[in-house]
Amino acid sequence: MNLPDTPLERSRRTRERADELGRAADRATDPEHRQRLREKARRLLGEELEGQEGS
């Protein structure tokens, strides 16, 4: 199944992925792993915001 690749759809998928990473970080027991997951979620959201500013 191909998802439409519109900016709105990409943004939605990015936010969903960041939410998933945040939930995984909440469940993580290793503090270093938790921190890496949170950083990855922040990076994804930051890249999304940069992309929106450029539009």
Protein backbone atom coordinates (compact mmCIF):
# COMPACT_ATOMS: atom_id res chain seq x y z
CA MET A 1 0.00 0.00 0.00
CA ASN A 2 1.43 3.36 -1.00
CA LEU A 3 0.70 6.30 1.25
CA PRO A 4 0.25 9.69 -0.35
CA ASP A 5 3.53 11.56 -0.02
CA THR A 6 2.19 15.03 0.62
CA PRO A 7 3.89 17.42 3.06
CA LEU A 8 0.93 17.07 5.42
CA GLU A 9 1.13 13.27 5.34
CA ARG A 10 4.92 13.28 5.90
CA SER A 11 4.44 15.64 8.84
CA ARG A 12 1.79 13.40 10.38
CA ARG A 13 3.98 10.30 10.03
CA THR A 14 6.96 12.15 11.53
CA ARG A 15 4.91 13.23 14.56
CA GLU A 16 3.59 9.69 15.00
CA ARG A 17 7.14 8.30 14.89
CA ALA A 18 8.33 10.88 17.44
CA ASP A 19 5.40 9.93 19.70
CA GLU A 20 6.33 6.25 19.39
CA LEU A 21 9.93 7.05 20.32
CA GLY A 22 8.73 9.05 23.32
CA ARG A 23 6.58 6.15 24.54
CA ALA A 24 9.48 3.75 24.05
CA ALA A 25 11.70 6.10 26.08
CA ASP A 26 9.11 6.09 28.87
CA ARG A 27 9.27 2.27 28.95
CA ALA A 28 13.06 2.00 28.66
CA THR A 29 14.84 0.87 31.81
CA ASP A 30 18.38 1.83 30.77
CA PRO A 31 18.91 5.58 31.34
CA GLU A 32 21.32 5.88 28.39
CA HIS A 33 18.89 4.16 26.04
CA ARG A 34 16.05 6.36 27.32
CA GLN A 35 18.14 9.46 26.63
CA ARG A 36 19.03 8.32 23.08
CA LEU A 37 15.38 7.67 22.28
CA ARG A 38 14.33 11.09 23.57
CA GLU A 39 17.11 12.79 21.57
CA LYS A 40 16.02 10.98 18.43
CA ALA A 41 12.40 12.09 18.95
CA ARG A 42 13.52 15.70 19.50
CA ARG A 43 15.70 15.56 16.38
CA LEU A 44 12.78 14.26 14.28
CA LEU A 45 10.50 17.03 15.52
CA GLY A 46 13.21 19.65 15.02
CA GLU A 47 13.75 18.55 11.43
CA GLU A 48 10.00 18.71 10.86
CA LEU A 49 9.85 22.28 12.20
CA GLU A 50 12.81 23.33 10.03
CA GLY A 51 11.05 21.88 7.00
CA GLN A 52 7.86 23.78 7.76
CA GLU A 53 9.74 27.07 8.15
CA GLY A 54 11.30 26.58 4.74
CA SER A 55 7.90 26.13 3.08
